Amino acid sequence: MKILLHICCSNCALYPVKIIQSEEHDFTGFWFNPNIHPFEEYDSRLSSLKRLSNKWKFDVIYMEEYSPEEYFRMFNSSYLHVSPLDKGGFRGVPPDRCKSCYRLRLEKTAEQAQQQGFDAFSTTLLISPYQDFEQISTTGKELAEKYNLLFHLKDYRPHFRDAMALSKELGLYRQKYCGCIFSREERNRKKVR
């Protein structure tokens, strides 16, 4: 099967890539993550994925331009504001932000998969115990039907700890939060407490 694999970061890619290769699928990675904030974080994750793909010799299609406006467009403007110092900020947390983010990234993956003749698409988000596996599964299946593709659904979560250990061993960049400004702020508030 020819699979387009959405990759959220190099750490989460490790075991899905190993498993998909072991199953002898033809796959290509796909980088599209406008949710990642700020640019320095985006750049660190992108550079780490490029390093991994070069080391392990797999192809990745990069939607590389940093375009957080694609992510923020999903939310009502009442959640976002600009401070007097022109730094981005937010008021409250948008409901269903993760669900919307899954849909944004998986839909772009499905569109690319259909346009480029893949049989299926998937995502490395399926490895993280911090993500909503059921919501990702539901979204993937809905989009598979919409784009006349298969959603390659696999529960990689049992490999999460091994992936993090391998990531450390390989010296990959290891992020401290999911990626969006909201998850970053939540993490910072927990640290303050």
C-alpha atoms as a PDB file:
ATOM      1  CA  MET A   1       0.000   0.000   0.000  1.00  0.00           C
ATOM      2  CA  LYS A   2       1.217   3.509  -0.788  1.00  0.00           C
ATOM      3  CA  ILE A   3       0.791   5.685   2.325  1.00  0.00           C
ATOM      4  CA  LEU A   4       1.227   9.418   2.912  1.00  0.00           C
ATOM      5  CA  LEU A   5       2.202   9.715   6.581  1.00  0.00           C
ATOM      6  CA  HIS A   6       1.546  13.029   8.300  1.00  0.00           C
ATOM      7  CA  ILE A   7       4.462  13.675  10.671  1.00  0.00           C
ATOM      8  CA  CYS A   8       3.996  15.973  13.644  1.00  0.00           C
ATOM      9  CA  CYS A   9       7.616  15.665  14.848  1.00  0.00           C
ATOM     10  CA  SER A  10      10.659  13.424  14.541  1.00  0.00           C
ATOM     11  CA  ASN A  11      10.081  11.775  17.937  1.00  0.00           C
ATOM     12  CA  CYS A  12       6.600  10.615  17.102  1.00  0.00           C
ATOM     13  CA  ALA A  13       7.722   9.492  13.632  1.00  0.00           C
ATOM     14  CA  LEU A  14      10.244   6.916  14.868  1.00  0.00           C
ATOM     15  CA  TYR A  15       8.034   3.900  15.504  1.00  0.00           C
ATOM     16  CA  PRO A  16       5.351   4.546  12.895  1.00  0.00           C
ATOM     17  CA  VAL A  17       8.137   4.768  10.292  1.00  0.00           C
ATOM     18  CA  LYS A  18       9.812   1.590  11.587  1.00  0.00           C
ATOM     19  CA  ILE A  19       6.530  -0.331  11.655  1.00  0.00           C
ATOM     20  CA  ILE A  20       5.278   0.883   8.261  1.00  0.00           C
ATOM     21  CA  GLN A  21       8.642  -0.058   6.748  1.00  0.00           C
ATOM     22  CA  SER A  22       8.573  -3.476   8.433  1.00  0.00           C
ATOM     23  CA  GLU A  23       5.117  -4.063   6.924  1.00  0.00           C
ATOM     24  CA  GLU A  24       6.712  -3.269   3.536  1.00  0.00           C
ATOM     25  CA  HIS A  25       4.394  -0.394   2.676  1.00  0.00           C
ATOM     26  CA  ASP A  26       5.609   2.275   0.311  1.00  0.00           C
ATOM     27  CA  PHE A  27       5.354   5.497   2.290  1.00  0.00           C
ATOM     28  CA  THR A  28       6.290   9.155   2.139  1.00  0.00           C
ATOM     29  CA  GLY A  29       6.273  11.500   5.102  1.00  0.00           C
ATOM     30  CA  PHE A  30       4.274  14.722   5.034  1.00  0.00           C
ATOM     31  CA  TRP A  31       5.146  17.804   7.086  1.00  0.00           C
ATOM     32  CA  PHE A  32       2.244  20.229   7.594  1.00  0.00           C
ATOM     33  CA  ASN A  33       1.986  21.720  11.082  1.00  0.00           C
ATOM     34  CA  PRO A  34       0.797  25.349  11.120  1.00  0.00           C
ATOM     35  CA  ASN A  35      -0.270  24.841  14.744  1.00  0.00           C
ATOM     36  CA  ILE A  36       3.311  24.915  16.056  1.00  0.00           C
ATOM     37  CA  HIS A  37       4.167  28.126  17.856  1.00  0.00           C
ATOM     38  CA  PRO A  38       6.443  30.106  18.000  1.00  0.00           C
ATOM     39  CA  PHE A  39       8.600  30.017  14.869  1.00  0.00           C
ATOM     40  CA  GLU A  40      11.691  28.888  16.799  1.00  0.00           C
ATOM     41  CA  GLU A  41       9.807  25.803  17.980  1.00  0.00           C
ATOM     42  CA  TYR A  42       8.530  25.151  14.464  1.00  0.00           C
ATOM     43  CA  ASP A  43      12.033  25.443  13.062  1.00  0.00           C
ATOM     44  CA  SER A  44      13.532  23.123  15.709  1.00  0.00           C
ATOM     45  CA  ARG A  45      10.956  20.414  14.976  1.00  0.00           C
ATOM     46  CA  LEU A  46      11.308  20.789  11.221  1.00  0.00           C
ATOM     47  CA  SER A  47      15.125  20.619  11.398  1.00  0.00           C
ATOM     48  CA  SER A  48      14.944  17.532  13.601  1.00  0.00           C
ATOM     49  CA  LEU A  49      12.649  15.766  11.117  1.00  0.00           C
ATOM     50  CA  LYS A  50      14.971  16.649   8.224  1.00  0.00           C
ATOM     51  CA  ARG A  51      17.869  15.201  10.194  1.00  0.00           C
ATOM     52  CA  LEU A  52      15.957  11.974  10.869  1.00  0.00           C
ATOM     53  CA  SER A  53      14.724  11.573   7.289  1.00  0.00           C
ATOM     54  CA  ASN A  54      18.266  12.059   5.971  1.00  0.00           C
ATOM     55  CA  LYS A  55      19.677   9.569   8.485  1.00  0.00           C
ATOM     56  CA  TRP A  56      16.989   6.917   7.888  1.00  0.00           C
ATOM     57  CA  LYS A  57      16.673   7.672   4.158  1.00  0.00           C
ATOM     58  CA  PHE A  58      12.953   8.257   3.739  1.00  0.00           C
ATOM     59  CA  ASP A  59      11.218  10.886   1.627  1.00  0.00           C
ATOM     60  CA  VAL A  60       9.170  13.708   3.083  1.00  0.00           C
ATOM     61  CA  ILE A  61       6.976  16.248   1.344  1.00  0.00           C
ATOM     62  CA  TYR A  62       7.484  19.511   3.218  1.00  0.00           C
ATOM     63  CA  MET A  63       4.843  22.212   3.387  1.00  0.00           C
ATOM     64  CA  GLU A  64       7.627  24.214   4.927  1.00  0.00           C
ATOM     65  CA  GLU A  65       6.411  27.790   4.890  1.00  0.00           C
ATOM     66  CA  TYR A  66       5.618  28.916   8.421  1.00  0.00           C
ATOM     67  CA  SER A  67       1.940  29.855   8.239  1.00  0.00           C
ATOM     68  CA  PRO A  68       0.320  29.956  11.706  1.00  0.00           C
ATOM     69  CA  GLU A  69      -2.540  32.003  10.264  1.00  0.00           C
ATOM     70  CA  GLU A  70      -3.914  28.733   8.826  1.00  0.00           C
ATOM     71  CA  TYR A  71      -4.191  27.448  12.382  1.00  0.00           C
ATOM     72  CA  PHE A  72      -5.522  30.644  13.970  1.00  0.00           C
ATOM     73  CA  ARG A  73      -8.131  31.063  11.222  1.00  0.00           C
ATOM     74  CA  MET A  74     -10.011  28.150  12.829  1.00  0.00           C
ATOM     75  CA  PHE A  75     -10.842  30.171  15.932  1.00  0.00           C
ATOM     76  CA  ASN A  76     -13.248  32.936  16.747  1.00  0.00           C
ATOM     77  CA  SER A  77     -11.261  36.173  17.015  1.00  0.00           C
ATOM     78  CA  SER A  78     -12.460  36.687  20.600  1.00  0.00           C
ATOM     79  CA  TYR A  79      -9.885  34.083  21.687  1.00  0.00           C
ATOM     80  CA  LEU A  80      -6.975  35.930  20.128  1.00  0.00           C
ATOM     81  CA  HIS A  81      -5.614  39.391  20.715  1.00  0.00           C
ATOM     82  CA  VAL A  82      -2.495  41.407  20.075  1.00  0.00           C
ATOM     83  CA  SER A  83      -0.680  42.905  23.030  1.00  0.00           C
ATOM     84  CA  PRO A  84       0.704  46.461  23.049  1.00  0.00           C
ATOM     85  CA  LEU A  85       4.107  44.933  22.312  1.00  0.00           C
ATOM     86  CA  ASP A  86       2.762  43.230  19.165  1.00  0.00           C
ATOM     87  CA  LYS A  87       3.239  39.793  20.657  1.00  0.00           C
ATOM     88  CA  GLY A  88       0.559  37.200  20.027  1.00  0.00           C
ATOM     89  CA  GLY A  89      -1.617  36.190  22.917  1.00  0.00           C
ATOM     90  CA  PHE A  90      -4.960  34.677  23.740  1.00  0.00           C
ATOM     91  CA  ARG A  91      -7.943  34.936  26.043  1.00  0.00           C
ATOM     92  CA  GLY A  92      -9.276  31.578  27.183  1.00  0.00           C
ATOM     93  CA  VAL A  93      -8.957  28.337  25.293  1.00  0.00           C
ATOM     94  CA  PRO A  94     -11.068  27.644  22.207  1.00  0.00           C
ATOM     95  CA  PRO A  95     -13.411  24.695  22.623  1.00  0.00           C
ATOM     96  CA  ASP A  96     -12.475  21.660  20.533  1.00  0.00           C
ATOM     97  CA  ARG A  97      -9.115  23.165  19.625  1.00  0.00           C
ATOM     98  CA  CYS A  98      -7.480  19.728  19.349  1.00  0.00           C
ATOM     99  CA  LYS A  99     -10.334  18.306  17.282  1.00  0.00           C
ATOM    100  CA  SER A 100     -10.082  21.281  14.909  1.00  0.00           C
ATOM    101  CA  CYS A 101      -6.313  20.942  14.711  1.00  0.00           C
ATOM    102  CA  TYR A 102      -6.497  17.215  13.901  1.00  0.00           C
ATOM    103  CA  ARG A 103      -8.973  17.970  11.136  1.00  0.00           C
ATOM    104  CA  LEU A 104      -6.852  20.794   9.687  1.00  0.00           C
ATOM    105  CA  ARG A 105      -3.695  18.688   9.465  1.00  0.00           C
ATOM    106  CA  LEU A 106      -5.331  15.423   8.431  1.00  0.00           C
ATOM    107  CA  GLU A 107      -7.447  17.103   5.763  1.00  0.00           C
ATOM    108  CA  LYS A 108      -4.355  18.661   4.187  1.00  0.00           C
ATOM    109  CA  THR A 109      -2.716  15.208   4.295  1.00  0.00           C
ATOM    110  CA  ALA A 110      -5.733  13.551   2.657  1.00  0.00           C
ATOM    111  CA  GLU A 111      -5.858  16.252  -0.042  1.00  0.00           C
ATOM    112  CA  GLN A 112      -2.169  15.726  -0.838  1.00  0.00           C
ATOM    113  CA  ALA A 113      -2.578  11.938  -0.778  1.00  0.00           C
ATOM    114  CA  GLN A 114      -5.447  12.106  -3.254  1.00  0.00           C
ATOM    115  CA  GLN A 115      -3.674  14.597  -5.543  1.00  0.00           C
ATOM    116  CA  GLN A 116      -0.452  12.584  -5.592  1.00  0.00           C
ATOM    117  CA  GLY A 117      -1.945   9.132  -6.111  1.00  0.00           C
ATOM    118  CA  PHE A 118      -1.494   7.550  -2.680  1.00  0.00           C
ATOM    119  CA  ASP A 119      -3.792   4.715  -1.596  1.00  0.00           C
ATOM    120  CA  ALA A 120      -3.941   5.771   2.036  1.00  0.00           C
ATOM    121  CA  PHE A 121      -2.896   8.342   4.598  1.00  0.00           C
ATOM    122  CA  SER A 122      -2.068   8.211   8.285  1.00  0.00           C
ATOM    123  CA  THR A 123      -0.478  10.267  11.046  1.00  0.00           C
ATOM    124  CA  THR A 124       2.235   9.899  13.651  1.00  0.00           C
ATOM    125  CA  LEU A 125      -0.154  11.529  16.133  1.00  0.00           C
ATOM    126  CA  LEU A 126      -1.424   7.964  16.670  1.00  0.00           C
ATOM    127  CA  ILE A 127       1.614   7.189  18.856  1.00  0.00           C
ATOM    128  CA  SER A 128       1.058   9.796  21.536  1.00  0.00           C
ATOM    129  CA  PRO A 129      -0.820   8.911  24.723  1.00  0.00           C
ATOM    130  CA  TYR A 130      -1.341  12.687  25.097  1.00  0.00           C
ATOM    131  CA  GLN A 131      -3.475  12.913  21.953  1.00  0.00           C
ATOM    132  CA  ASP A 132      -7.124  11.877  21.586  1.00  0.00           C
ATOM    133  CA  PHE A 133      -6.740   8.574  19.723  1.00  0.00           C
ATOM    134  CA  GLU A 134     -10.502   8.118  19.220  1.00  0.00           C
ATOM    135  CA  GLN A 135     -10.934  11.624  17.793  1.00  0.00           C
ATOM    136  CA  ILE A 136      -7.972  11.182  15.440  1.00  0.00           C
ATOM    137  CA  SER A 137      -9.409   7.822  14.319  1.00  0.00           C
ATOM    138  CA  THR A 138     -12.864   9.284  13.713  1.00  0.00           C
ATOM    139  CA  THR A 139     -11.474  12.266  11.815  1.00  0.00           C
ATOM    140  CA  GLY A 140      -9.202  10.052   9.712  1.00  0.00           C
ATOM    141  CA  LYS A 141     -12.052   7.722   8.751  1.00  0.00           C
ATOM    142  CA  GLU A 142     -14.345  10.639   7.831  1.00  0.00           C
ATOM    143  CA  LEU A 143     -11.676  12.193   5.633  1.00  0.00           C
ATOM    144  CA  ALA A 144     -10.821   8.841   4.054  1.00  0.00           C
ATOM    145  CA  GLU A 145     -14.419   8.554   2.918  1.00  0.00           C
ATOM    146  CA  LYS A 146     -14.500  12.167   1.703  1.00  0.00           C
ATOM    147  CA  TYR A 147     -11.305  11.756  -0.361  1.00  0.00           C
ATOM    148  CA  ASN A 148     -11.901   8.140  -1.433  1.00  0.00           C
ATOM    149  CA  LEU A 149      -8.784   6.864   0.345  1.00  0.00           C
ATOM    150  CA  LEU A 150      -7.980   4.470   3.151  1.00  0.00           C
ATOM    151  CA  PHE A 151      -7.037   5.740   6.584  1.00  0.00           C
ATOM    152  CA  HIS A 152      -4.181   3.519   7.763  1.00  0.00           C
ATOM    153  CA  LEU A 153      -5.222   3.222  11.393  1.00  0.00           C
ATOM    154  CA  LYS A 154      -2.725   1.684  13.768  1.00  0.00           C
ATOM    155  CA  ASP A 155      -2.378   2.064  17.512  1.00  0.00           C
ATOM    156  CA  TYR A 156       1.287   2.926  17.997  1.00  0.00           C
ATOM    157  CA  ARG A 157       0.815   4.065  21.616  1.00  0.00           C
ATOM    158  CA  PRO A 158       2.418   0.926  23.151  1.00  0.00           C
ATOM    159  CA  HIS A 159       5.673   2.062  21.483  1.00  0.00           C
ATOM    160  CA  PHE A 160       5.628   5.619  22.854  1.00  0.00           C
ATOM    161  CA  ARG A 161       8.168   5.122  25.680  1.00  0.00           C
ATOM    162  CA  ASP A 162      10.509   3.186  23.392  1.00  0.00           C
ATOM    163  CA  ALA A 163      10.231   5.982  20.831  1.00  0.00           C
ATOM    164  CA  MET A 164      11.179   8.611  23.408  1.00  0.00           C
ATOM    165  CA  ALA A 165      14.181   6.527  24.526  1.00  0.00           C
ATOM    166  CA  LEU A 166      15.286   6.081  20.906  1.00  0.00           C
ATOM    167  CA  SER A 167      14.813   9.789  20.280  1.00  0.00           C
ATOM    168  CA  LYS A 168      17.154  10.567  23.157  1.00  0.00           C
ATOM    169  CA  GLU A 169      19.676   8.031  21.884  1.00  0.00           C
ATOM    170  CA  LEU A 170      19.583   9.591  18.404  1.00  0.00           C
ATOM    171  CA  GLY A 171      19.936  13.109  19.829  1.00  0.00           C
ATOM    172  CA  LEU A 172      16.723  14.371  18.222  1.00  0.00           C
ATOM    173  CA  TYR A 173      15.082  17.586  19.363  1.00  0.00           C
ATOM    174  CA  ARG A 174      12.561  16.736  22.077  1.00  0.00           C
ATOM    175  CA  GLN A 175       9.771  19.249  22.546  1.00  0.00           C
ATOM    176  CA  LYS A 176       8.124  20.047  25.865  1.00  0.00           C
ATOM    177  CA  TYR A 177       4.539  20.669  24.680  1.00  0.00           C
ATOM    178  CA  CYS A 178       2.144  19.614  21.936  1.00  0.00           C
ATOM    179  CA  GLY A 179       2.899  22.570  19.713  1.00  0.00           C
ATOM    180  CA  CYS A 180       0.184  25.206  19.779  1.00  0.00           C
ATOM    181  CA  ILE A 181       0.221  28.437  21.739  1.00  0.00           C
ATOM    182  CA  PHE A 182      -2.526  27.074  23.987  1.00  0.00           C
ATOM    183  CA  SER A 183      -0.612  23.931  24.962  1.00  0.00           C
ATOM    184  CA  ARG A 184       2.509  26.011  25.512  1.00  0.00           C
ATOM    185  CA  GLU A 185       0.635  28.351  27.853  1.00  0.00           C
ATOM    186  CA  GLU A 186      -0.920  25.414  29.736  1.00  0.00           C
ATOM    187  CA  ARG A 187       2.543  23.938  30.274  1.00  0.00           C
ATOM    188  CA  ASN A 188       3.935  27.275  31.466  1.00  0.00           C
ATOM    189  CA  ARG A 189       1.069  27.680  33.953  1.00  0.00           C
ATOM    190  CA  LYS A 190       1.715  24.191  35.354  1.00  0.00           C
ATOM    191  CA  LYS A 191       5.398  25.035  35.788  1.00  0.00           C
ATOM    192  CA  VAL A 192       4.504  28.217  37.729  1.00  0.00           C
ATOM    193  CA  ARG A 193       2.233  26.259  40.083  1.00  0.00           C
END
